[in-house]
PDB file of N, CA and C in Angstrom:
ATOM      1  N   UNK A   1      -4.068  -4.406 -11.249  1.00  0.00           N
ATOM      2  CA  UNK A   1      -4.604  -5.454 -11.039  1.00  0.00           C
ATOM      3  C   UNK A   1      -5.569  -6.172  -9.890  1.00  0.00           C
ATOM      4  N   UNK A   2      -5.172  -5.706  -9.175  1.00  0.00           N
ATOM      5  CA  UNK A   2      -6.136  -5.184  -8.450  1.00  0.00           C
ATOM      6  C   UNK A   2      -7.437  -6.064  -9.164  1.00  0.00           C
ATOM      7  N   UNK A   3      -8.145  -5.700  -9.798  1.00  0.00           N
ATOM      8  CA  UNK A   3      -9.810  -5.220 -10.784  1.00  0.00           C
ATOM      9  C   UNK A   3      -9.528  -6.554 -11.130  1.00  0.00           C
ATOM     10  N   UNK A   4      -8.400  -7.198 -11.511  1.00  0.00           N
ATOM     11  CA  UNK A   4      -8.355  -8.595 -12.504  1.00  0.00           C
ATOM     12  C   UNK A   4      -8.780  -9.477 -11.049  1.00  0.00           C
ATOM     13  N   UNK A   5      -7.755  -9.540 -10.711  1.00  0.00           N
ATOM     14  CA  UNK A   5      -7.588 -10.899  -9.498  1.00  0.00           C
ATOM     15  C   UNK A   5      -9.065 -10.412  -9.247  1.00  0.00           C
ATOM     16  N   UNK A   6      -9.112  -9.404  -8.613  1.00  0.00           N
ATOM     17  CA  UNK A   6     -11.001  -9.576  -8.152  1.00  0.00           C
ATOM     18  C   UNK A   6     -11.917 -10.077  -9.621  1.00  0.00           C
ATOM     19  N   UNK A   7     -11.823 -10.222 -10.152  1.00  0.00           N
ATOM     20  CA  UNK A   7     -13.245 -10.864 -11.716  1.00  0.00           C
ATOM     21  C   UNK A   7     -12.859 -11.718 -11.220  1.00  0.00           C
ATOM     22  N   UNK A   8     -11.237 -12.748 -10.960  1.00  0.00           N
ATOM     23  CA  UNK A   8     -11.033 -14.502 -10.667  1.00  0.00           C
ATOM     24  C   UNK A   8     -11.022 -14.538  -9.804  1.00  0.00           C
ATOM     25  N   UNK A   9     -11.341 -14.249  -9.044  1.00  0.00           N
ATOM     26  CA  UNK A   9     -11.822 -14.588  -7.090  1.00  0.00           C
ATOM     27  C   UNK A   9     -13.292 -14.420  -7.641  1.00  0.00           C
ATOM     28  N   UNK A  10     -13.713 -14.020  -7.919  1.00  0.00           N
ATOM     29  CA  UNK A  10     -15.247 -13.908  -7.989  1.00  0.00           C
ATOM     30  C   UNK A  10     -15.637 -15.268  -8.820  1.00  0.00           C
ATOM     31  N   UNK A  11     -14.991 -15.072  -9.885  1.00  0.00           N
ATOM     32  CA  UNK A  11     -15.650 -16.605 -11.368  1.00  0.00           C
ATOM     33  C   UNK A  11     -14.965 -17.285 -10.983  1.00  0.00           C
ATOM     34  N   UNK A  12     -13.992 -17.352  -9.955  1.00  0.00           N
ATOM     35  CA  UNK A  12     -14.105 -19.528  -9.191  1.00  0.00           C
ATOM     36  C   UNK A  12     -14.361 -18.916  -7.500  1.00  0.00           C
ATOM     37  N   UNK A  13     -15.151 -18.340  -7.428  1.00  0.00           N
ATOM     38  CA  UNK A  13     -15.674 -18.724  -6.418  1.00  0.00           C
ATOM     39  C   UNK A  13     -14.774 -18.828  -4.933  1.00  0.00           C
ATOM     40  N   UNK A  14     -13.320 -17.511  -5.275  1.00  0.00           N
ATOM     41  CA  UNK A  14     -12.363 -18.071  -4.202  1.00  0.00           C
ATOM     42  C   UNK A  14     -12.120 -16.759  -3.182  1.00  0.00           C
ATOM     43  N   UNK A  15     -12.283 -16.917  -2.348  1.00  0.00           N
ATOM     44  CA  UNK A  15     -12.931 -16.051  -0.875  1.00  0.00           C
ATOM     45  C   UNK A  15     -11.293 -15.630   0.133  1.00  0.00           C
ATOM     46  N   UNK A  16     -10.706 -14.417   0.238  1.00  0.00           N
ATOM     47  CA  UNK A  16      -9.809 -14.732   0.574  1.00  0.00           C
ATOM     48  C   UNK A  16      -9.393 -12.686   0.907  1.00  0.00           C
ATOM     49  N   UNK A  17      -8.555 -12.474   0.562  1.00  0.00           N
ATOM     50  CA  UNK A  17      -7.966 -10.975   0.421  1.00  0.00           C
ATOM     51  C   UNK A  17      -7.229 -10.474  -0.432  1.00  0.00           C
ATOM     52  N   UNK A  18      -7.074  -8.976  -0.926  1.00  0.00           N
ATOM     53  CA  UNK A  18      -6.431  -8.581  -1.747  1.00  0.00           C
ATOM     54  C   UNK A  18      -5.719  -7.035  -1.087  1.00  0.00           C
ATOM     55  N   UNK A  19      -4.468  -7.109  -1.597  1.00  0.00           N
ATOM     56  CA  UNK A  19      -4.272  -6.476  -0.516  1.00  0.00           C
ATOM     57  C   UNK A  19      -3.345  -4.981  -1.269  1.00  0.00           C
ATOM     58  N   UNK A  20      -2.919  -4.085  -1.473  1.00  0.00           N
ATOM     59  CA  UNK A  20      -2.230  -2.814  -2.220  1.00  0.00           C
ATOM     60  C   UNK A  20      -1.890  -2.193  -1.282  1.00  0.00           C
ATOM     61  N   UNK A  21      -0.357  -1.702  -1.930  1.00  0.00           N
ATOM     62  CA  UNK A  21       0.264  -1.381  -1.229  1.00  0.00           C
ATOM     63  C   UNK A  21       0.348   0.705  -2.146  1.00  0.00           C
ATOM     64  N   UNK A  22      -0.301   1.280  -0.613  1.00  0.00           N
ATOM     65  CA  UNK A  22      -0.005   2.642  -1.508  1.00  0.00           C
ATOM     66  C   UNK A  22       1.127   3.275  -0.099  1.00  0.00           C
ATOM     67  N   UNK A  23       0.902   5.054  -0.235  1.00  0.00           N
ATOM     68  CA  UNK A  23       1.997   5.643   0.689  1.00  0.00           C
ATOM     69  C   UNK A  23       1.186   6.296   1.570  1.00  0.00           C
ATOM     70  N   UNK A  24       2.278   6.716   2.505  1.00  0.00           N
ATOM     71  CA  UNK A  24       1.337   7.531   3.782  1.00  0.00           C
ATOM     72  C   UNK A  24       0.577   9.339   2.364  1.00  0.00           C
ATOM     73  N   UNK A  25       1.535   8.937   1.182  1.00  0.00           N
ATOM     74  CA  UNK A  25       1.271   9.854   0.349  1.00  0.00           C
ATOM     75  C   UNK A  25      -0.668  10.775   0.575  1.00  0.00           C
ATOM     76  N   UNK A  26      -1.284   8.795   0.479  1.00  0.00           N
ATOM     77  CA  UNK A  26      -2.477   9.093   0.195  1.00  0.00           C
ATOM     78  C   UNK A  26      -3.069   9.807   0.839  1.00  0.00           C
ATOM     79  N   UNK A  27      -2.858   9.853   2.333  1.00  0.00           N
ATOM     80  CA  UNK A  27      -4.154  10.657   3.352  1.00  0.00           C
ATOM     81  C   UNK A  27      -3.452  11.696   3.984  1.00  0.00           C
ATOM     82  N   UNK A  28      -2.694  12.506   3.105  1.00  0.00           N
ATOM     83  CA  UNK A  28      -2.443  13.837   2.917  1.00  0.00           C
ATOM     84  C   UNK A  28      -3.322  14.623   1.685  1.00  0.00           C
ATOM     85  N   UNK A  29      -2.904  16.162   1.606  1.00  0.00           N
ATOM     86  CA  UNK A  29      -4.074  16.786   0.449  1.00  0.00           C
ATOM     87  C   UNK A  29      -2.840  16.456  -0.641  1.00  0.00           C
ATOM     88  N   UNK A  30      -3.487  16.032  -2.095  1.00  0.00           N
ATOM     89  CA  UNK A  30      -3.130  16.223  -2.861  1.00  0.00           C
ATOM     90  C   UNK A  30      -1.990  17.025  -3.874  1.00  0.00           C
ATOM     91  N   UNK A  31      -1.028  17.031  -4.499  1.00  0.00           N
ATOM     92  CA  UNK A  31      -1.452  18.437  -6.021  1.00  0.00           C
ATOM     93  C   UNK A  31      -0.847  18.175  -6.656  1.00  0.00           C
ATOM     94  N   UNK A  32       0.322  16.910  -6.494  1.00  0.00           N
ATOM     95  CA  UNK A  32       1.880  16.236  -7.268  1.00  0.00           C
ATOM     96  C   UNK A  32       1.257  14.900  -7.823  1.00  0.00           C
ATOM     97  N   UNK A  33       1.911  15.076  -9.164  1.00  0.00           N
ATOM     98  CA  UNK A  33       1.591  13.745  -9.977  1.00  0.00           C
ATOM     99  C   UNK A  33       1.352  12.331  -8.658  1.00  0.00           C
ATOM    100  N   UNK A  34       2.759  12.246  -7.927  1.00  0.00           N
ATOM    101  CA  UNK A  34       3.119  10.917  -7.163  1.00  0.00           C
ATOM    102  C   UNK A  34       1.639  11.542  -6.404  1.00  0.00           C
ATOM    103  N   UNK A  35       1.815  12.583  -5.122  1.00  0.00           N
ATOM    104  CA  UNK A  35       0.433  12.236  -4.671  1.00  0.00           C
ATOM    105  C   UNK A  35      -1.311  12.071  -4.797  1.00  0.00           C
ATOM    106  N   UNK A  36      -1.057  11.903  -5.835  1.00  0.00           N
ATOM    107  CA  UNK A  36      -2.342  11.998  -6.856  1.00  0.00           C
ATOM    108  C   UNK A  36      -2.581  10.665  -7.617  1.00  0.00           C
ATOM    109  N   UNK A  37      -1.658  10.418  -7.639  1.00  0.00           N
ATOM    110  CA  UNK A  37      -1.261   8.653  -8.074  1.00  0.00           C
ATOM    111  C   UNK A  37      -1.533   8.028  -6.164  1.00  0.00           C
ATOM    112  N   UNK A  38      -1.788   7.920  -5.440  1.00  0.00           N
ATOM    113  CA  UNK A  38      -1.470   7.328  -4.417  1.00  0.00           C
ATOM    114  C   UNK A  38      -2.910   7.436  -4.019  1.00  0.00           C
ATOM    115  N   UNK A  39      -3.317   8.947  -4.365  1.00  0.00           N
ATOM    116  CA  UNK A  39      -4.992   9.380  -3.621  1.00  0.00           C
ATOM    117  C   UNK A  39      -5.791   7.770  -5.019  1.00  0.00           C
ATOM    118  N   UNK A  40      -5.112   8.158  -5.935  1.00  0.00           N
ATOM    119  CA  UNK A  40      -6.063   6.490  -6.820  1.00  0.00           C
ATOM    120  C   UNK A  40      -6.374   5.265  -6.377  1.00  0.00           C
ATOM    121  N   UNK A  41      -4.853   5.541  -5.257  1.00  0.00           N
ATOM    122  CA  UNK A  41      -4.565   3.608  -4.940  1.00  0.00           C
ATOM    123  C   UNK A  41      -5.554   3.619  -3.927  1.00  0.00           C
ATOM    124  N   UNK A  42      -5.966   4.544  -2.671  1.00  0.00           N
ATOM    125  CA  UNK A  42      -7.228   5.112  -1.724  1.00  0.00           C
ATOM    126  C   UNK A  42      -8.273   4.999  -2.331  1.00  0.00           C
ATOM    127  N   UNK A  43      -8.778   5.084  -3.589  1.00  0.00           N
ATOM    128  CA  UNK A  43     -10.165   5.408  -3.992  1.00  0.00           C
ATOM    129  C   UNK A  43     -10.425   4.349  -4.166  1.00  0.00           C
ATOM    130  N   UNK A  44      -9.545   3.448  -5.374  1.00  0.00           N
ATOM    131  CA  UNK A  44      -9.409   2.385  -5.781  1.00  0.00           C
ATOM    132  C   UNK A  44      -9.983   1.126  -4.590  1.00  0.00           C
ATOM    133  N   UNK A  45      -8.797   1.035  -3.597  1.00  0.00           N
ATOM    134  CA  UNK A  45      -9.048   0.661  -2.670  1.00  0.00           C
ATOM    135  C   UNK A  45     -10.623   0.173  -2.075  1.00  0.00           C
ATOM    136  N   UNK A  46     -10.990   1.643  -1.845  1.00  0.00           N
ATOM    137  CA  UNK A  46     -11.850   2.290  -1.003  1.00  0.00           C
ATOM    138  C   UNK A  46     -13.275   1.124  -1.895  1.00  0.00           C
ATOM    139  N   UNK A  47     -13.661   2.154  -3.111  1.00  0.00           N
ATOM    140  CA  UNK A  47     -14.496   0.748  -3.912  1.00  0.00           C
ATOM    141  C   UNK A  47     -14.369  -1.077  -3.825  1.00  0.00           C
ATOM    142  N   UNK A  48     -13.015  -0.988  -4.289  1.00  0.00           N
ATOM    143  CA  UNK A  48     -13.117  -3.008  -4.387  1.00  0.00           C
ATOM    144  C   UNK A  48     -13.426  -3.071  -3.132  1.00  0.00           C
ATOM    145  N   UNK A  49     -13.137  -2.780  -2.285  1.00  0.00           N
ATOM    146  CA  UNK A  49     -13.895  -3.026  -0.643  1.00  0.00           C
ATOM    147  C   UNK A  49     -14.996  -3.230  -0.994  1.00  0.00           C
ATOM    148  N   UNK A  50     -15.910  -1.816  -1.278  1.00  0.00           N
ATOM    149  CA  UNK A  50     -17.265  -2.093  -0.887  1.00  0.00           C
ATOM    150  C   UNK A  50     -18.309  -3.450  -1.945  1.00  0.00           C
ATOM    151  N   UNK A  51     -17.286  -3.480  -3.114  1.00  0.00           N
ATOM    152  CA  UNK A  51     -17.224  -4.358  -4.344  1.00  0.00           C
ATOM    153  C   UNK A  51     -17.494  -5.644  -3.778  1.00  0.00           C
ATOM    154  N   UNK A  52     -16.556  -5.891  -3.075  1.00  0.00           N
ATOM    155  CA  UNK A  52     -16.314  -7.474  -3.237  1.00  0.00           C
ATOM    156  C   UNK A  52     -16.798  -8.445  -1.819  1.00  0.00           C
ATOM    157  N   UNK A  53     -17.064  -7.288  -0.910  1.00  0.00           N
ATOM    158  CA  UNK A  53     -16.968  -7.745   0.198  1.00  0.00           C
ATOM    159  C   UNK A  53     -18.319  -8.655   0.561  1.00  0.00           C
ATOM    160  N   UNK A  54     -19.238  -8.515  -0.486  1.00  0.00           N
ATOM    161  CA  UNK A  54     -20.251  -9.253  -0.582  1.00  0.00           C
ATOM    162  C   UNK A  54     -20.038 -11.194  -1.249  1.00  0.00           C
ATOM    163  N   UNK A  55     -18.804 -11.049  -2.088  1.00  0.00           N
ATOM    164  CA  UNK A  55     -18.389 -12.125  -2.380  1.00  0.00           C
ATOM    165  C   UNK A  55     -17.100 -12.986  -1.325  1.00  0.00           C
ATOM    166  N   UNK A  56     -17.089 -12.777  -0.183  1.00  0.00           N
ATOM    167  CA  UNK A  56     -16.119 -12.692   0.765  1.00  0.00           C
ATOM    168  C   UNK A  56     -14.342 -12.796   0.327  1.00  0.00           C
ATOM    169  N   UNK A  57     -14.278 -11.443  -0.449  1.00  0.00           N
ATOM    170  CA  UNK A  57     -13.254 -10.610  -0.479  1.00  0.00           C
ATOM    171  C   UNK A  57     -12.652  -9.389   0.190  1.00  0.00           C
ATOM    172  N   UNK A  58     -11.738  -9.712   0.872  1.00  0.00           N
ATOM    173  CA  UNK A  58     -11.615  -8.455   1.711  1.00  0.00           C
ATOM    174  C   UNK A  58     -10.674  -7.759   0.747  1.00  0.00           C
ATOM    175  N   UNK A  59     -10.649  -6.372   0.544  1.00  0.00           N
ATOM    176  CA  UNK A  59      -9.690  -5.233   0.288  1.00  0.00           C
ATOM    177  C   UNK A  59      -9.541  -4.364   0.917  1.00  0.00           C
ATOM    178  N   UNK A  60      -7.613  -4.455   1.139  1.00  0.00           N
ATOM    179  CA  UNK A  60      -7.320  -3.114   2.763  1.00  0.00           C
ATOM    180  C   UNK A  60      -6.302  -2.802   1.520  1.00  0.00           C
ATOM    181  N   UNK A  61      -5.560  -1.849   2.037  1.00  0.00           N
ATOM    182  CA  UNK A  61      -4.147  -1.088   2.135  1.00  0.00           C
ATOM    183  C   UNK A  61      -3.287  -0.752   3.237  1.00  0.00           C
ATOM    184  N   UNK A  62      -2.094  -1.293   2.914  1.00  0.00           N
ATOM    185  CA  UNK A  62      -1.285  -0.254   3.589  1.00  0.00           C
ATOM    186  C   UNK A  62      -0.592   0.955   2.620  1.00  0.00           C
ATOM    187  N   UNK A  63      -0.587   2.051   3.961  1.00  0.00           N
ATOM    188  CA  UNK A  63       0.222   3.158   3.480  1.00  0.00           C
ATOM    189  C   UNK A  63       1.360   3.650   3.801  1.00  0.00           C
ATOM    190  N   UNK A  64       2.777   3.077   3.499  1.00  0.00           N
ATOM    191  CA  UNK A  64       4.064   3.487   3.903  1.00  0.00           C
ATOM    192  C   UNK A  64       4.269   4.510   4.146  1.00  0.00           C
ATOM    193  N   UNK A  65       5.224   5.083   5.025  1.00  0.00           N
ATOM    194  CA  UNK A  65       5.983   6.537   5.651  1.00  0.00           C
ATOM    195  C   UNK A  65       7.275   6.158   4.687  1.00  0.00           C
ATOM    196  N   UNK A  66       8.224   6.860   4.853  1.00  0.00           N
ATOM    197  CA  UNK A  66       9.713   6.704   3.679  1.00  0.00           C
ATOM    198  C   UNK A  66      10.272   5.776   4.187  1.00  0.00           C
ATOM    199  N   UNK A  67      10.425   5.039   3.156  1.00  0.00           N
ATOM    200  CA  UNK A  67      11.279   3.151   3.044  1.00  0.00           C
ATOM    201  C   UNK A  67      12.749   4.082   1.961  1.00  0.00           C
ATOM    202  N   UNK A  68      13.998   3.288   2.944  1.00  0.00           N
ATOM    203  CA  UNK A  68      15.244   3.448   2.614  1.00  0.00           C
ATOM    204  C   UNK A  68      15.023   2.535   0.787  1.00  0.00           C
ATOM    205  N   UNK A  69      14.307   3.127   0.175  1.00  0.00           N
ATOM    206  CA  UNK A  69      14.574   3.333  -1.761  1.00  0.00           C
ATOM    207  C   UNK A  69      15.251   3.935  -2.525  1.00  0.00           C
ATOM    208  N   UNK A  70      15.808   3.720  -3.586  1.00  0.00           N
ATOM    209  CA  UNK A  70      16.429   4.307  -5.068  1.00  0.00           C
ATOM    210  C   UNK A  70      15.800   6.252  -4.656  1.00  0.00           C
ATOM    211  N   UNK A  71      14.591   5.487  -4.037  1.00  0.00           N
ATOM    212  CA  UNK A  71      13.108   7.096  -4.867  1.00  0.00           C
ATOM    213  C   UNK A  71      14.118   7.868  -3.838  1.00  0.00           C
ATOM    214  N   UNK A  72      14.670   7.949  -2.726  1.00  0.00           N
ATOM    215  CA  UNK A  72      14.804   8.768  -1.782  1.00  0.00           C
ATOM    216  C   UNK A  72      15.825   8.846  -1.653  1.00  0.00           C
ATOM    217  N   UNK A  73      16.546   8.018  -2.689  1.00  0.00           N
ATOM    218  CA  UNK A  73      18.185   8.695  -2.100  1.00  0.00           C
ATOM    219  C   UNK A  73      19.349   7.657  -1.614  1.00  0.00           C
ATOM    220  N   UNK A  74      18.305   6.518  -1.163  1.00  0.00           N
ATOM    221  CA  UNK A  74      19.164   5.904  -0.198  1.00  0.00           C
ATOM    222  C   UNK A  74      19.164   4.323  -0.247  1.00  0.00           C
ATOM    223  N   UNK A  75      20.224   3.619  -0.242  1.00  0.00           N
ATOM    224  CA  UNK A  75      20.416   2.465  -0.620  1.00  0.00           C
ATOM    225  C   UNK A  75      20.764   1.723   0.605  1.00  0.00           C
ATOM    226  N   UNK A  76      21.363   0.295  -0.128  1.00  0.00           N
ATOM    227  CA  UNK A  76      21.938  -0.618   0.920  1.00  0.00           C
ATOM    228  C   UNK A  76      22.797  -0.099   1.619  1.00  0.00           C
ATOM    229  N   UNK A  77      22.649  -0.236   3.297  1.00  0.00           N
ATOM    230  CA  UNK A  77      24.184   0.276   3.826  1.00  0.00           C
ATOM    231  C   UNK A  77      23.735   1.583   4.383  1.00  0.00           C
ATOM    232  N   UNK A  78      22.557   2.758   3.571  1.00  0.00           N
ATOM    233  CA  UNK A  78      23.254   4.042   4.438  1.00  0.00           C
ATOM    234  C   UNK A  78      22.604   4.340   5.367  1.00  0.00           C
ATOM    235  N   UNK A  79      22.532   5.547   6.195  1.00  0.00           N
ATOM    236  CA  UNK A  79      21.760   4.960   7.756  1.00  0.00           C
ATOM    237  C   UNK A  79      20.353   5.451   7.144  1.00  0.00           C
ATOM    238  N   UNK A  80      19.382   5.095   8.226  1.00  0.00           N
ATOM    239  CA  UNK A  80      18.310   4.891   7.903  1.00  0.00           C
ATOM    240  C   UNK A  80      17.440   5.770   8.932  1.00  0.00           C
ATOM    241  N   UNK A  81      18.802   6.979   9.893  1.00  0.00           N
ATOM    242  CA  UNK A  81      17.869   7.961  10.805  1.00  0.00           C
ATOM    243  C   UNK A  81      17.562   9.121  10.077  1.00  0.00           C
ATOM    244  N   UNK A  82      16.315   8.899  10.213  1.00  0.00           N
ATOM    245  CA  UNK A  82      15.144  10.315   9.735  1.00  0.00           C
ATOM    246  C   UNK A  82      14.628  11.033  10.837  1.00  0.00           C
ATOM    247  N   UNK A  83      15.249  12.542  11.158  1.00  0.00           N
ATOM    248  CA  UNK A  83      14.416  13.021  12.016  1.00  0.00           C
ATOM    249  C   UNK A  83      13.218  13.387  12.110  1.00  0.00           C
ATOM    250  N   UNK A  84      12.848  13.357  11.031  1.00  0.00           N
ATOM    251  CA  UNK A  84      12.025  13.628  10.692  1.00  0.00           C
ATOM    252  C   UNK A  84       9.996  12.929  11.116  1.00  0.00           C
ATOM    253  N   UNK A  85      10.273  11.410  11.274  1.00  0.00           N
ATOM    254  CA  UNK A  85       9.852  10.553  11.401  1.00  0.00           C
ATOM    255  C   UNK A  85       8.996  10.305  12.895  1.00  0.00           C
ATOM    256  N   UNK A  86       8.168   9.165  12.413  1.00  0.00           N
ATOM    257  CA  UNK A  86       7.655   9.719  14.773  1.00  0.00           C
ATOM    258  C   UNK A  86       8.904   8.933  14.990  1.00  0.00           C
ATOM    259  N   UNK A  87       9.300   7.551  14.404  1.00  0.00           N
ATOM    260  CA  UNK A  87       9.976   6.345  15.123  1.00  0.00           C
ATOM    261  C   UNK A  87      11.552   6.827  14.475  1.00  0.00           C
ATOM    262  N   UNK A  88      12.197   8.060  13.887  1.00  0.00           N
ATOM    263  CA  UNK A  88      13.479   9.117  13.610  1.00  0.00           C
ATOM    264  C   UNK A  88      14.457   7.904  12.708  1.00  0.00           C
ATOM    265  N   UNK A  89      13.319   6.740  12.302  1.00  0.00           N
ATOM    266  CA  UNK A  89      14.006   5.828  11.191  1.00  0.00           C
ATOM    267  C   UNK A  89      13.726   5.934   9.733  1.00  0.00           C
ATOM    268  N   UNK A  90      13.877   5.439   8.926  1.00  0.00           N
ATOM    269  CA  UNK A  90      13.293   5.406   7.839  1.00  0.00           C
ATOM    270  C   UNK A  90      12.734   3.570   7.850  1.00  0.00           C
ATOM    271  N   UNK A  91      11.864   3.022   6.706  1.00  0.00           N
ATOM    272  CA  UNK A  91      11.731   1.391   7.237  1.00  0.00           C
ATOM    273  C   UNK A  91      12.179   1.324   5.657  1.00  0.00           C
ATOM    274  N   UNK A  92      12.761  -0.269   6.269  1.00  0.00           N
ATOM    275  CA  UNK A  92      12.754  -0.926   5.072  1.00  0.00           C
ATOM    276  C   UNK A  92      11.772  -1.674   3.922  1.00  0.00           C
ATOM    277  N   UNK A  93      12.429  -2.066   2.520  1.00  0.00           N
ATOM    278  CA  UNK A  93      11.541  -2.853   1.971  1.00  0.00           C
ATOM    279  C   UNK A  93      11.250  -4.206   3.114  1.00  0.00           C
ATOM    280  N   UNK A  94      12.131  -4.876   3.463  1.00  0.00           N
ATOM    281  CA  UNK A  94      11.828  -5.778   4.466  1.00  0.00           C
ATOM    282  C   UNK A  94      10.576  -5.758   5.435  1.00  0.00           C
ATOM    283  N   UNK A  95      10.647  -4.790   6.118  1.00  0.00           N
ATOM    284  CA  UNK A  95       9.886  -4.615   6.949  1.00  0.00           C
ATOM    285  C   UNK A  95       8.419  -4.172   6.810  1.00  0.00           C
ATOM    286  N   UNK A  96       8.291  -3.909   5.035  1.00  0.00           N
ATOM    287  CA  UNK A  96       7.236  -3.950   5.260  1.00  0.00           C
ATOM    288  C   UNK A  96       5.959  -4.738   4.223  1.00  0.00           C
ATOM    289  N   UNK A  97       7.370  -5.697   3.666  1.00  0.00           N
ATOM    290  CA  UNK A  97       6.606  -7.126   2.937  1.00  0.00           C
ATOM    291  C   UNK A  97       6.480  -7.800   4.429  1.00  0.00           C
ATOM    292  N   UNK A  98       6.936  -7.715   5.703  1.00  0.00           N
ATOM    293  CA  UNK A  98       6.731  -8.644   6.694  1.00  0.00           C
ATOM    294  C   UNK A  98       5.096  -7.845   7.368  1.00  0.00           C
ATOM    295  N   UNK A  99       4.753  -6.869   7.348  1.00  0.00           N
ATOM    296  CA  UNK A  99       3.510  -6.118   7.452  1.00  0.00           C
ATOM    297  C   UNK A  99       2.697  -6.709   6.617  1.00  0.00           C
ATOM    298  N   UNK A 100       3.266  -7.061   5.528  1.00  0.00           N
ATOM    299  CA  UNK A 100       1.876  -6.948   4.360  1.00  0.00           C
ATOM    300  C   UNK A 100       1.975  -8.904   4.231  1.00  0.00           C
ATOM    301  N   UNK A 101       2.730  -9.545   4.547  1.00  0.00           N
ATOM    302  CA  UNK A 101       2.353 -11.024   4.657  1.00  0.00           C
ATOM    303  C   UNK A 101       1.909 -11.137   6.148  1.00  0.00           C
ATOM    304  N   UNK A 102       1.967 -10.995   7.607  1.00  0.00           N
ATOM    305  CA  UNK A 102       1.634 -11.654   8.506  1.00  0.00           C
ATOM    306  C   UNK A 102       0.024 -11.058   8.657  1.00  0.00           C
ATOM    307  N   UNK A 103      -0.195  -9.171   7.676  1.00  0.00           N
ATOM    308  CA  UNK A 103      -2.175  -8.893   8.134  1.00  0.00           C
ATOM    309  C   UNK A 103      -2.442  -9.699   7.273  1.00  0.00           C
TER     310      UNK A 103
END
């Protein structure tokens, strides 16, 4: 998606930003399919950032930590307390969305 949008932005001379969303798993050694896929997003982001900057297109990614999602068996209304993260709680999808929009 980022590649396709970037091509359209170049063709239409649109300057702006592309923001990819990955995971904190992209920042650690990878050996599972999930972690490897997050490394792929990180690599794609770095490559696109290098290719797109001459066209006035900034490419970045946010690498989120644990979130309250069904993937982690968390649902709305569940406790978001998490003793193993620095802030002691899971992030919510809404908090991540606010970061993406404010960025």
